[in-house]
Amino acid sequence: MQHTKRSRPAVVATVVLVALVAVGLGCSATWWTRATATASAPAATASGSSGAAVLATPAPVSHGGIPAAEAPTRGPAPATRDLTRTWTAPVGMPTHGRLLRVEIPGTVSHFRARRALVYLPPAALTADPPHLPVAVLMSGQSRGAGPDDVENGGHITATMDALARTNRGLAPIVVVPDQLGPRSGNPMCVDGPLGDSRTYLERDVPAWITSHLRVQTGAAAWTIGGFSQGGTCAIQIGAGDPARFGNLIDVSGEEAPSRGTLAKTIDEGFSGDAAAYRAAVPAAVLAAHEPYRASNAFFAVGHDDGAYGPVMPVMAARARAAGMHVATWVVPGAKHNWTTAGAGLAAGLAWLMPRTGLAPS
């Protein structure tokens, strides 16, 4: 479950900077310091409060289509780690990215998804954009939750603009699909009686991305991440499909997918099949696909999150034991809320910038 207290962009930027310096996440502090220094938003305290998040204000996005320059006229390209050395920002490149709302149909899964968000960084809005890495991010689950939360609560546009600002307009393309369905339910990112959410995320979403956006295709260039239920989903899908997703970000995720009690979870989500439930637990997914040769995993949780705080080090240790390169961060003064979610996703994306060739290592 996710909670209210939506963090402001300046708070996210400042807290992420503290994290990068304090725990040495392995990316250049210089460029991120410059990015946080230019983040524009009123100041706020990074504290948490409880209560289910119901977002009344829609994300401020364009309803237009993908820009013609962004369409993959030459098709997707393999992953490359050279852009930080080879890319030259053209004259007249936009100073900010663009946020779009798009339809990603459940062509294979028949999953009923609401509209997704797509963030295009400045480099993607040029006349001849490079093929860029992509990050698939997901919200948590509560009443009314959905893709807009990642913008309204997590300020993904401000985060990505900050990352791009001191990297010549380079940042991942971000896609925020709806893994919950029209009633903000919890299909637990599996295929079952609540909908084929797993197939939607593993097949329909990647197929739409590669056919509509100019992206790199190698696993090293693909990230999946999320908050709370979305974090659980990220490790289920990311660990289960390392050939597609070489990187994952799990912010305040669960140890196992859940709809309440174990009996209710198995009954409603797996038609009573306990073996199918056990196979969908992240620990089992990791064990089934280890050893991981080239996977990166970033885990974050709020310092004051009594429910999910103890889960994070357990999941990080399991991912590390399975062969993943792992980094962790405990967000100071934060609970299970969008202060943690926004800062955790931002820190994970910043940590991955040099690993995907978009920032100096």
Protein backbone atom coordinates (compact mmCIF):
# COMPACT_ATOMS: atom_id res chain seq x y z
CA MET A 1 0.00 0.00 0.00
CA GLN A 2 1.15 3.52 -0.70
CA HIS A 3 0.47 6.58 1.40
CA THR A 4 -0.01 10.30 1.10
CA LYS A 5 2.51 13.10 1.58
CA ARG A 6 3.69 13.62 -1.95
CA SER A 7 7.27 14.81 -1.99
CA ARG A 8 8.24 17.93 -3.90
CA PRO A 9 10.95 17.87 -6.58
CA ALA A 10 13.47 19.89 -4.54
CA VAL A 11 13.14 17.44 -1.66
CA VAL A 12 13.69 14.47 -3.95
CA ALA A 13 16.76 16.07 -5.52
CA THR A 14 18.30 17.03 -2.19
CA VAL A 15 17.69 13.67 -0.54
CA VAL A 16 19.08 11.77 -3.53
CA LEU A 17 22.25 13.86 -3.46
CA VAL A 18 22.72 12.98 0.20
CA ALA A 19 22.30 9.30 -0.67
CA LEU A 20 24.84 9.33 -3.48
CA VAL A 21 27.45 11.00 -1.32
CA ALA A 22 26.71 9.04 1.86
CA VAL A 23 26.67 5.51 0.50
CA GLY A 24 28.97 5.91 -2.50
CA LEU A 25 26.64 4.47 -5.10
CA GLY A 26 29.30 4.52 -7.75
CA CYS A 27 28.33 7.40 -10.02
CA SER A 28 29.86 10.80 -10.40
CA ALA A 29 28.76 13.11 -7.59
CA THR A 30 29.78 16.14 -9.64
CA TRP A 31 27.10 15.95 -12.33
CA TRP A 32 24.39 14.98 -9.86
CA THR A 33 25.36 17.88 -7.57
CA ARG A 34 24.89 20.28 -10.47
CA ALA A 35 21.56 18.68 -11.34
CA THR A 36 20.18 18.98 -7.81
CA ALA A 37 21.37 22.56 -7.52
CA THR A 38 19.13 23.57 -10.41
CA ALA A 39 15.99 21.66 -9.40
CA SER A 40 13.14 24.14 -9.10
CA ALA A 41 10.34 23.69 -6.56
CA PRO A 42 9.32 25.09 -3.17
CA ALA A 43 11.09 23.50 -0.22
CA ALA A 44 9.32 20.94 1.98
CA THR A 45 10.27 18.68 4.85
CA ALA A 46 10.98 15.04 4.02
CA SER A 47 8.62 13.53 6.52
CA GLY A 48 5.84 11.01 6.14
CA SER A 49 2.19 10.62 7.03
CA SER A 50 -0.30 7.81 6.66
CA GLY A 51 -3.53 7.41 4.73
CA ALA A 52 -4.39 5.98 1.33
CA ALA A 53 -3.34 8.14 -1.59
CA VAL A 54 -6.18 9.35 -3.79
CA LEU A 55 -4.85 11.70 -6.45
CA ALA A 56 -7.42 14.23 -7.55
CA THR A 57 -5.21 16.15 -9.98
CA PRO A 58 -4.27 14.43 -13.25
CA ALA A 59 -0.64 14.46 -14.35
CA PRO A 60 0.13 17.49 -16.55
CA VAL A 61 0.87 15.59 -19.73
CA SER A 62 0.49 16.10 -23.44
CA HIS A 63 -2.26 14.11 -25.11
CA GLY A 64 -0.50 14.21 -28.46
CA GLY A 65 1.21 11.30 -30.12
CA ILE A 66 4.87 10.37 -30.12
CA PRO A 67 6.87 13.10 -31.91
CA ALA A 68 7.74 12.19 -35.49
CA ALA A 69 11.44 12.56 -34.74
CA GLU A 70 11.11 10.01 -31.94
CA ALA A 71 9.43 7.28 -33.99
CA PRO A 72 11.83 4.35 -34.55
CA THR A 73 12.16 4.75 -38.31
CA ARG A 74 15.40 2.78 -38.29
CA GLY A 75 14.21 0.27 -35.72
CA PRO A 76 15.60 -0.40 -32.25
CA ALA A 77 19.34 -0.66 -31.73
CA PRO A 78 21.47 -2.92 -29.53
CA ALA A 79 22.51 -1.66 -26.11
CA THR A 80 25.46 0.69 -26.24
CA ARG A 81 27.48 2.30 -23.48
CA ASP A 82 29.09 4.91 -25.73
CA LEU A 83 26.55 7.75 -25.70
CA THR A 84 28.34 9.69 -23.00
CA ARG A 85 31.35 9.83 -25.36
CA THR A 86 29.67 10.01 -28.77
CA TRP A 87 26.58 12.18 -28.28
CA THR A 88 26.71 15.88 -29.12
CA ALA A 89 23.66 17.91 -28.20
CA PRO A 90 22.42 19.76 -31.30
CA VAL A 91 21.75 23.48 -31.35
CA GLY A 92 18.17 24.21 -30.36
CA MET A 93 17.65 21.03 -28.34
CA PRO A 94 14.78 21.50 -25.85
CA THR A 95 15.80 22.28 -22.29
CA HIS A 96 13.08 20.07 -20.80
CA GLY A 97 11.67 16.66 -21.59
CA ARG A 98 8.07 15.93 -22.53
CA LEU A 99 5.49 13.83 -20.69
CA LEU A 100 2.86 12.03 -22.75
CA ARG A 101 -0.16 9.91 -21.93
CA VAL A 102 -0.49 6.92 -24.27
CA GLU A 103 -2.47 3.73 -24.79
CA ILE A 104 -0.53 0.47 -24.50
CA PRO A 105 -3.01 -2.25 -25.51
CA GLY A 106 -2.98 -5.74 -24.07
CA THR A 107 -2.65 -7.29 -27.51
CA VAL A 108 -1.35 -10.64 -26.28
CA SER A 109 -2.43 -10.61 -22.65
CA HIS A 110 -5.85 -8.99 -23.12
CA PHE A 111 -5.09 -7.22 -19.84
CA ARG A 112 -7.31 -4.15 -19.35
CA ALA A 113 -4.80 -1.40 -18.65
CA ARG A 114 -5.39 2.30 -18.23
CA ARG A 115 -3.34 4.84 -20.13
CA ALA A 116 0.39 4.84 -19.53
CA LEU A 117 2.80 7.74 -19.15
CA VAL A 118 5.87 8.23 -21.33
CA TYR A 119 8.67 10.66 -20.52
CA LEU A 120 10.91 11.67 -23.43
CA PRO A 121 14.17 13.39 -22.43
CA PRO A 122 15.47 16.40 -24.38
CA ALA A 123 17.78 14.22 -26.51
CA ALA A 124 14.74 12.23 -27.69
CA LEU A 125 13.05 15.41 -28.92
CA THR A 126 15.75 16.38 -31.42
CA ALA A 127 15.55 15.96 -35.19
CA ASP A 128 17.81 12.91 -35.14
CA PRO A 129 17.51 11.40 -31.66
CA PRO A 130 19.82 8.67 -30.42
CA HIS A 131 18.56 5.26 -29.44
CA LEU A 132 18.22 5.52 -25.67
CA PRO A 133 17.92 3.15 -22.72
CA VAL A 134 14.43 2.70 -21.30
CA ALA A 135 13.08 2.48 -17.75
CA VAL A 136 9.69 0.86 -17.10
CA LEU A 137 8.40 2.20 -13.76
CA MET A 138 5.29 1.28 -11.77
CA SER A 139 3.25 2.84 -9.00
CA GLY A 140 2.22 1.16 -5.79
CA GLN A 141 -1.28 -0.17 -5.20
CA SER A 142 -4.06 1.42 -3.18
CA ARG A 143 -7.48 2.88 -3.87
CA GLY A 144 -7.22 5.05 -6.97
CA ALA A 145 -3.55 4.25 -7.57
CA GLY A 146 -2.16 4.20 -11.09
CA PRO A 147 0.49 5.53 -13.48
CA ASP A 148 -0.24 9.20 -12.72
CA ASP A 149 1.08 8.67 -9.18
CA VAL A 150 4.62 8.34 -10.51
CA GLU A 151 4.34 11.92 -11.81
CA ASN A 152 2.03 13.53 -9.25
CA GLY A 153 3.67 11.89 -6.24
CA GLY A 154 7.08 10.86 -7.55
CA HIS A 155 7.78 13.89 -9.78
CA ILE A 156 9.37 11.74 -12.45
CA THR A 157 9.54 14.62 -14.95
CA ALA A 158 11.51 16.81 -12.53
CA THR A 159 13.80 13.90 -11.70
CA MET A 160 14.51 13.00 -15.31
CA ASP A 161 14.97 16.63 -16.36
CA ALA A 162 17.53 16.99 -13.56
CA LEU A 163 19.39 13.90 -14.74
CA ALA A 164 19.34 15.11 -18.35
CA ARG A 165 20.28 18.70 -17.57
CA THR A 166 23.96 18.04 -16.93
CA ASN A 167 24.29 15.12 -19.33
CA ARG A 168 23.68 17.00 -22.58
CA GLY A 169 20.00 16.09 -22.62
CA LEU A 170 20.63 12.37 -22.17
CA ALA A 171 18.42 10.31 -19.86
CA PRO A 172 16.45 7.10 -20.21
CA ILE A 173 13.06 7.16 -21.85
CA VAL A 174 10.60 6.36 -19.05
CA VAL A 175 7.43 4.33 -19.59
CA VAL A 176 4.92 4.02 -16.73
CA PRO A 177 2.40 1.29 -17.61
CA ASP A 178 -0.67 0.32 -15.61
CA GLN A 179 0.05 -3.02 -13.97
CA LEU A 180 -3.03 -2.74 -11.73
CA GLY A 181 -5.99 -2.52 -14.09
CA PRO A 182 -8.97 -0.15 -14.22
CA ARG A 183 -10.03 -0.62 -10.59
CA SER A 184 -6.51 -0.20 -9.16
CA GLY A 185 -6.61 -3.82 -8.06
CA ASN A 186 -3.69 -6.08 -7.32
CA PRO A 187 -3.27 -8.84 -9.90
CA MET A 188 0.19 -9.39 -8.34
CA CYS A 189 2.06 -9.29 -11.66
CA VAL A 190 1.18 -12.87 -12.48
CA ASP A 191 -1.12 -14.47 -15.03
CA GLY A 192 -4.27 -15.63 -13.29
CA PRO A 193 -7.93 -15.04 -12.58
CA LEU A 194 -7.30 -11.35 -11.83
CA GLY A 195 -5.82 -10.75 -15.29
CA ASP A 196 -2.65 -11.61 -17.16
CA SER A 197 -0.58 -8.78 -15.75
CA ARG A 198 2.70 -10.66 -16.16
CA THR A 199 2.21 -11.21 -19.89
CA TYR A 200 1.17 -7.59 -20.27
CA LEU A 201 4.45 -6.42 -18.70
CA GLU A 202 6.69 -9.03 -20.31
CA ARG A 203 5.25 -8.98 -23.83
CA ASP A 204 2.76 -6.23 -24.58
CA VAL A 205 4.62 -3.35 -22.96
CA PRO A 206 8.06 -4.18 -24.44
CA ALA A 207 6.50 -4.76 -27.87
CA TRP A 208 4.81 -1.36 -27.75
CA ILE A 209 8.02 0.32 -26.60
CA THR A 210 10.18 -1.14 -29.35
CA SER A 211 7.61 -0.34 -32.04
CA HIS A 212 6.89 3.24 -30.93
CA LEU A 213 10.09 4.58 -29.35
CA ARG A 214 13.68 4.86 -30.46
CA VAL A 215 15.24 2.66 -27.81
CA GLN A 216 18.14 0.29 -27.37
CA THR A 217 17.19 -3.36 -27.15
CA GLY A 218 19.90 -5.10 -25.12
CA ALA A 219 19.13 -6.05 -21.53
CA ALA A 220 21.84 -3.69 -20.27
CA ALA A 221 19.72 -0.79 -21.53
CA TRP A 222 16.41 -1.91 -19.99
CA THR A 223 15.35 -1.19 -16.41
CA ILE A 224 12.18 -2.16 -14.57
CA GLY A 225 11.33 -0.53 -11.27
CA GLY A 226 8.55 0.44 -8.94
CA PHE A 227 7.30 1.39 -5.50
CA SER A 228 5.57 -0.91 -2.99
CA GLN A 229 3.49 -3.37 -5.05
CA GLY A 230 5.30 -1.96 -8.08
CA GLY A 231 8.63 -2.76 -6.41
CA THR A 232 7.53 -6.33 -5.77
CA CYS A 233 6.45 -6.51 -9.39
CA ALA A 234 9.81 -5.12 -10.54
CA ILE A 235 11.80 -7.91 -8.93
CA GLN A 236 9.30 -10.57 -10.05
CA ILE A 237 9.52 -9.45 -13.68
CA GLY A 238 13.12 -8.23 -13.67
CA ALA A 239 14.54 -11.32 -11.99
CA GLY A 240 12.28 -13.54 -14.09
CA ASP A 241 13.30 -12.07 -17.44
CA PRO A 242 16.99 -11.09 -17.24
CA ALA A 243 17.34 -11.38 -21.01
CA ARG A 244 14.99 -8.39 -21.30
CA PHE A 245 15.66 -6.43 -18.10
CA GLY A 246 19.28 -6.11 -17.04
CA ASN A 247 18.46 -3.65 -14.26
CA LEU A 248 15.79 -3.39 -11.58
CA ILE A 249 14.78 -0.85 -8.94
CA ASP A 250 12.76 -2.09 -5.96
CA VAL A 251 11.56 0.69 -3.64
CA SER A 252 9.74 -0.55 -0.53
CA GLY A 253 8.71 -3.79 -2.17
CA GLU A 254 7.19 -6.81 -0.46
CA GLU A 255 8.87 -10.12 0.23
CA ALA A 256 6.02 -11.84 -1.61
CA PRO A 257 2.96 -10.73 -3.60
CA SER A 258 -0.04 -10.40 -1.35
CA ARG A 259 -3.75 -9.65 -1.29
CA GLY A 260 -4.01 -9.89 2.49
CA THR A 261 -3.81 -13.28 4.13
CA LEU A 262 -1.85 -16.09 2.52
CA ALA A 263 -5.01 -18.12 2.00
CA LYS A 264 -6.78 -15.20 0.32
CA THR A 265 -3.76 -14.49 -1.87
CA ILE A 266 -3.54 -18.07 -3.11
CA ASP A 267 -7.30 -18.38 -3.58
CA GLU A 268 -7.92 -15.10 -5.41
CA GLY A 269 -4.69 -14.73 -7.35
CA PHE A 270 -3.74 -18.33 -8.10
CA SER A 271 -7.09 -20.18 -8.14
CA GLY A 272 -6.03 -22.06 -5.03
CA ASP A 273 -2.76 -23.34 -6.55
CA ALA A 274 -0.22 -23.03 -3.73
CA ALA A 275 2.62 -24.27 -5.94
CA ALA A 276 1.95 -21.50 -8.46
CA TYR A 277 2.03 -18.96 -5.64
CA ARG A 278 5.34 -20.27 -4.32
CA ALA A 279 6.85 -20.05 -7.82
CA ALA A 280 5.83 -16.37 -8.07
CA VAL A 281 7.54 -15.32 -4.84
CA PRO A 282 10.65 -13.22 -5.67
CA ALA A 283 12.97 -15.55 -3.74
CA ALA A 284 11.82 -18.45 -5.90
CA VAL A 285 12.14 -16.41 -9.09
CA LEU A 286 15.72 -15.50 -8.16
CA ALA A 287 16.57 -19.12 -7.37
CA ALA A 288 15.08 -20.30 -10.67
CA HIS A 289 17.22 -17.95 -12.77
CA GLU A 290 20.51 -17.73 -10.88
CA PRO A 291 23.33 -17.15 -11.40
CA TYR A 292 22.84 -13.67 -12.86
CA ARG A 293 25.83 -12.67 -14.97
CA ALA A 294 25.17 -9.01 -15.74
CA SER A 295 22.20 -7.79 -13.70
CA ASN A 296 22.06 -4.67 -11.52
CA ALA A 297 19.58 -4.22 -8.67
CA PHE A 298 18.89 -1.13 -6.56
CA PHE A 299 16.85 -1.41 -3.36
CA ALA A 300 15.54 1.46 -1.24
CA VAL A 301 13.17 1.83 1.70
CA GLY A 302 12.12 4.53 4.14
CA HIS A 303 14.00 4.62 7.44
CA ASP A 304 10.73 4.78 9.39
CA ASP A 305 8.87 2.14 7.38
CA GLY A 306 8.09 -0.44 10.03
CA ALA A 307 6.34 -2.85 7.68
CA TYR A 308 8.63 -2.92 4.64
CA GLY A 309 11.87 -1.72 6.20
CA PRO A 310 12.92 -5.19 7.36
CA VAL A 311 12.15 -6.67 3.94
CA MET A 312 14.63 -4.58 1.94
CA PRO A 313 17.91 -6.03 3.33
CA VAL A 314 16.52 -9.54 2.99
CA MET A 315 15.66 -9.06 -0.68
CA ALA A 316 18.93 -7.26 -1.39
CA ALA A 317 20.90 -10.12 0.16
CA ARG A 318 19.00 -12.67 -1.92
CA ALA A 319 19.63 -10.73 -5.12
CA ARG A 320 23.33 -10.39 -4.27
CA ALA A 321 23.61 -14.10 -3.47
CA ALA A 322 22.02 -14.87 -6.84
CA GLY A 323 24.80 -12.94 -8.61
CA MET A 324 23.30 -9.49 -9.10
CA HIS A 325 25.34 -6.34 -8.55
CA VAL A 326 23.38 -4.70 -5.73
CA ALA A 327 23.19 -1.25 -4.12
CA THR A 328 20.89 -0.28 -1.25
CA TRP A 329 19.73 2.92 0.39
CA VAL A 330 17.61 3.72 3.44
CA VAL A 331 15.83 7.05 2.85
CA PRO A 332 16.29 9.15 6.00
CA GLY A 333 13.21 10.37 7.85
CA ALA A 334 10.76 8.73 5.47
CA LYS A 335 7.96 6.21 5.83
CA HIS A 336 6.03 4.14 3.29
CA ASN A 337 5.04 7.12 1.17
CA TRP A 338 5.88 9.15 -1.90
CA THR A 339 8.80 10.85 -0.20
CA THR A 340 10.45 7.44 -0.17
CA ALA A 341 9.09 6.44 -3.58
CA GLY A 342 10.18 9.57 -5.41
CA ALA A 343 13.60 9.70 -3.79
CA GLY A 344 14.19 5.96 -4.13
CA LEU A 345 13.30 5.84 -7.81
CA ALA A 346 15.39 8.96 -8.46
CA ALA A 347 18.41 7.52 -6.66
CA GLY A 348 18.09 4.21 -8.48
CA LEU A 349 17.86 5.91 -11.86
CA ALA A 350 20.85 8.11 -11.02
CA TRP A 351 22.85 5.06 -9.96
CA LEU A 352 22.09 3.43 -13.29
CA MET A 353 23.04 6.45 -15.45
CA PRO A 354 26.74 5.51 -15.82
CA ARG A 355 25.84 1.83 -16.04
CA THR A 356 23.73 2.53 -19.12
CA GLY A 357 26.27 4.84 -20.76
CA LEU A 358 24.41 8.09 -20.09
CA ALA A 359 26.79 9.65 -17.56
CA PRO A 360 30.51 9.44 -16.79
CA SER A 361 31.41 6.51 -14.59
